[in-house]
Protein backbone atom coordinates (compact mmCIF):
# COMPACT_ATOMS: atom_id res chain seq x y z
CA MET A 1 0.00 0.00 0.00
CA ARG A 2 1.29 3.48 -0.88
CA ARG A 3 0.87 6.70 1.13
CA MET A 4 -0.60 9.96 -0.11
CA TRP A 5 0.00 13.28 1.64
CA GLY A 6 -2.63 15.99 1.50
CA LEU A 7 -2.16 19.50 2.86
CA VAL A 8 -4.56 22.40 2.90
CA VAL A 9 -3.83 25.85 4.31
CA TRP A 10 -6.53 28.38 5.28
CA GLY A 11 -5.16 31.56 6.81
CA ALA A 12 -2.89 30.43 9.62
CA VAL A 13 -4.71 27.12 10.13
CA LEU A 14 -2.92 24.12 8.73
CA ALA A 15 -4.37 20.64 8.26
CA VAL A 16 -2.27 17.68 7.17
CA GLY A 17 -3.69 14.27 6.28
CA VAL A 18 -2.05 10.96 5.52
CA GLY A 19 -3.88 8.06 3.97
CA ALA A 20 -3.77 5.31 1.38
CA GLY A 21 -2.74 6.42 -2.09
CA GLY A 22 0.56 7.44 -3.69
CA SER A 23 3.93 8.45 -2.30
CA SER A 24 4.35 11.48 -4.57
CA ALA A 25 2.77 14.78 -3.61
CA LEU A 26 0.85 14.66 -6.88
CA ALA A 27 0.28 10.94 -7.07
CA ALA A 28 -2.78 9.62 -8.84
CA GLY A 29 -5.85 11.43 -7.61
CA ASP A 30 -9.39 12.14 -8.69
CA GLY A 31 -8.65 15.66 -9.93
CA GLY A 32 -7.64 14.82 -13.52
CA GLU A 33 -4.36 16.03 -14.97
CA ALA A 34 -2.68 19.39 -14.51
CA ASP A 35 0.81 20.84 -14.92
CA LEU A 36 1.81 23.25 -12.14
CA SER A 37 4.79 25.61 -12.20
CA TYR A 38 6.10 28.57 -10.19
CA HIS A 39 7.98 31.64 -11.39
CA GLY A 40 9.22 34.60 -9.41
CA PHE A 41 12.24 35.90 -7.56
CA ALA A 42 14.00 35.92 -4.21
CA ALA A 43 16.21 38.66 -2.76
CA MET A 44 18.12 38.66 0.53
CA ASP A 45 19.47 41.62 2.48
CA GLY A 46 20.81 41.37 6.03
CA GLY A 47 19.24 37.97 6.70
CA LEU A 48 15.78 39.05 5.50
CA LEU A 49 14.59 37.12 2.47
CA ASP A 50 11.85 38.48 0.21
CA VAL A 51 10.12 35.96 -2.05
CA ARG A 52 7.55 36.69 -4.76
CA LEU A 53 6.16 33.86 -6.84
CA THR A 54 3.23 33.28 -9.14
CA PRO A 55 1.74 29.81 -9.57
CA ARG A 56 0.65 28.67 -13.03
CA ASN A 57 -1.36 25.71 -14.27
CA HIS A 58 -0.44 24.69 -17.81
CA GLY A 59 -3.43 22.27 -17.87
CA PRO A 60 -5.09 20.40 -19.34
CA GLY A 61 -7.39 20.31 -16.29
CA ASP A 62 -8.28 22.85 -13.60
CA VAL A 63 -6.92 22.55 -10.05
CA SER A 64 -9.34 23.37 -7.22
CA ASP A 65 -6.48 24.27 -4.85
CA SER A 66 -2.83 23.40 -4.28
CA THR A 67 0.01 24.05 -1.86
CA VAL A 68 3.53 25.23 -2.67
CA ARG A 69 6.41 24.47 -0.29
CA LEU A 70 9.38 26.80 0.25
CA ARG A 71 12.38 25.31 2.03
CA TRP A 72 15.69 27.02 2.88
CA SER A 73 19.17 25.63 3.54
CA VAL A 74 19.38 27.58 6.82
CA PRO A 75 16.78 27.70 9.60
CA LEU A 76 14.29 30.48 9.90
CA ALA A 77 14.89 32.89 12.77
CA ALA A 78 13.34 31.91 16.09
CA GLY A 79 10.10 33.61 17.05
CA GLU A 80 7.19 34.77 14.99
CA GLN A 81 7.45 35.07 11.23
CA ARG A 82 4.88 37.46 9.78
CA LEU A 83 3.49 35.39 6.96
CA PRO A 84 0.67 36.34 4.60
CA VAL A 85 -2.78 34.79 4.88
CA GLY A 86 -2.65 31.34 3.32
CA CYS A 87 0.92 30.62 4.44
CA ALA A 88 2.13 28.71 7.50
CA ARG A 89 5.48 27.74 8.95
CA THR A 90 5.70 23.94 9.01
CA GLY A 91 9.24 23.38 10.24
CA ARG A 92 12.56 24.96 11.18
CA GLN A 93 13.34 25.72 7.54
CA GLU A 94 10.00 25.44 5.76
CA VAL A 95 6.86 27.42 4.90
CA VAL A 96 3.88 26.25 2.86
CA CYS A 97 1.43 28.51 1.03
CA ARG A 98 -1.97 27.89 -0.49
CA THR A 99 -2.20 28.84 -4.17
CA GLY A 100 -5.99 28.86 -4.48
CA ALA A 101 -7.83 27.58 -7.54
CA LEU A 102 -5.85 27.44 -10.78
CA ALA A 103 -7.72 27.28 -14.07
CA ALA A 104 -6.21 25.30 -16.94
CA ASP A 105 -3.68 27.48 -18.75
CA GLY A 106 -4.12 30.14 -16.06
CA LEU A 107 -2.09 32.15 -13.57
CA GLY A 108 -2.79 32.24 -9.85
CA GLU A 109 -2.46 35.14 -7.46
CA GLN A 110 1.09 36.25 -6.62
CA ILE A 111 2.37 34.99 -3.27
CA ALA A 112 4.61 37.51 -1.50
CA LEU A 113 6.38 36.86 1.77
CA ARG A 114 9.35 37.99 3.81
CA VAL A 115 11.10 35.64 6.20
CA ALA A 116 13.90 36.27 8.66
CA LEU A 117 16.72 33.73 8.57
CA ARG A 118 18.75 32.66 11.60
CA GLY A 119 21.98 34.62 11.82
CA ARG A 120 23.05 36.63 8.82
CA PRO A 121 23.93 34.05 6.17
CA THR A 122 25.85 35.26 3.14
CA GLU A 123 23.96 32.83 0.94
CA VAL A 124 20.98 30.50 1.11
CA THR A 125 19.56 27.84 -1.16
CA MET A 126 15.78 27.95 -1.57
CA ASP A 127 13.79 24.95 -2.82
CA VAL A 128 10.33 25.51 -4.32
CA ASP A 129 8.00 22.61 -5.07
CA THR A 130 4.38 21.48 -5.05
CA LEU A 131 3.45 19.78 -1.80
CA TRP A 132 -0.19 19.09 -2.71
CA GLY A 133 -1.85 19.44 -6.11
CA GLY A 134 -5.54 19.17 -5.26
CA GLY A 135 -5.66 15.53 -6.34
CA ALA A 136 -4.46 16.29 -9.88
CA VAL A 137 -1.84 14.16 -11.59
CA ASP A 138 1.18 16.20 -12.72
CA ARG A 139 3.22 14.18 -15.23
CA ASN A 140 5.76 17.00 -15.67
CA ARG A 141 7.26 17.50 -12.19
CA SER A 142 10.39 19.18 -13.59
CA ASN A 143 8.76 22.61 -13.89
CA ASP A 144 7.23 22.77 -10.39
CA ARG A 145 10.53 21.99 -8.65
CA ARG A 146 13.04 24.82 -8.46
CA GLN A 147 16.25 25.38 -6.53
CA VAL A 148 17.58 28.92 -6.30
CA LEU A 149 20.86 30.17 -4.83
CA VAL A 150 20.30 33.59 -3.22
CA LEU A 151 23.25 35.73 -2.14
CA ASP A 152 22.97 38.42 0.53
CA THR A 153 23.41 41.27 -1.95
CA GLY A 154 19.90 42.70 -2.17
CA ASP A 155 19.79 41.57 -5.81
CA ALA A 156 16.80 39.66 -7.16
CA TYR A 157 17.43 36.05 -8.22
CA PHE A 158 14.76 34.91 -10.68
CA PHE A 159 13.36 31.43 -11.16
C-alpha cells in the first residue's frame, strides 16, 4: 500500500492528512491532470529574504487548490514570522502557502512573503515545489521543482 499526503492551508490554520494512495505529492488522484509551475524571484538583504512567486497551471485540467512548499538551507529565525494569509510555517526551515484555484492554462495570485533567517547568512539555497496538487496528476514534475541560490546582496534572483 502506498501513502498519499494531502495538505490544505486556510489563513494560519494548517491541516495535514495521511492516507492510502501514492507516495508522490501529486500521485494519482481524482482531480484529472494538470501541470503546475512557479515563477518569481528571491532577494536577501541582512538575513531578511523576500520571495515573490506566481503559480501557473499549464493544464489540461483545472486545479481546485494546491500548496507550494518553500524550504531554505538555513533555519528560519526563532520567534514569529509574519506570513501572509494562506501561508504557515511547518518546520525549522519550511513554509507552505496555499495557491488557491488554478484554471487550466491560467495564472494564480502572486504569493509575497518575507522571512527572517537565523543569523546573517551570506547565501541560502531555496527549494520551491508542489506539496499538494488538489488531487491532480502532474506528469511534468520538472517545472514545479526549483532550486535557487540567493546571495545576501539585495539583488533579485529569478526562477
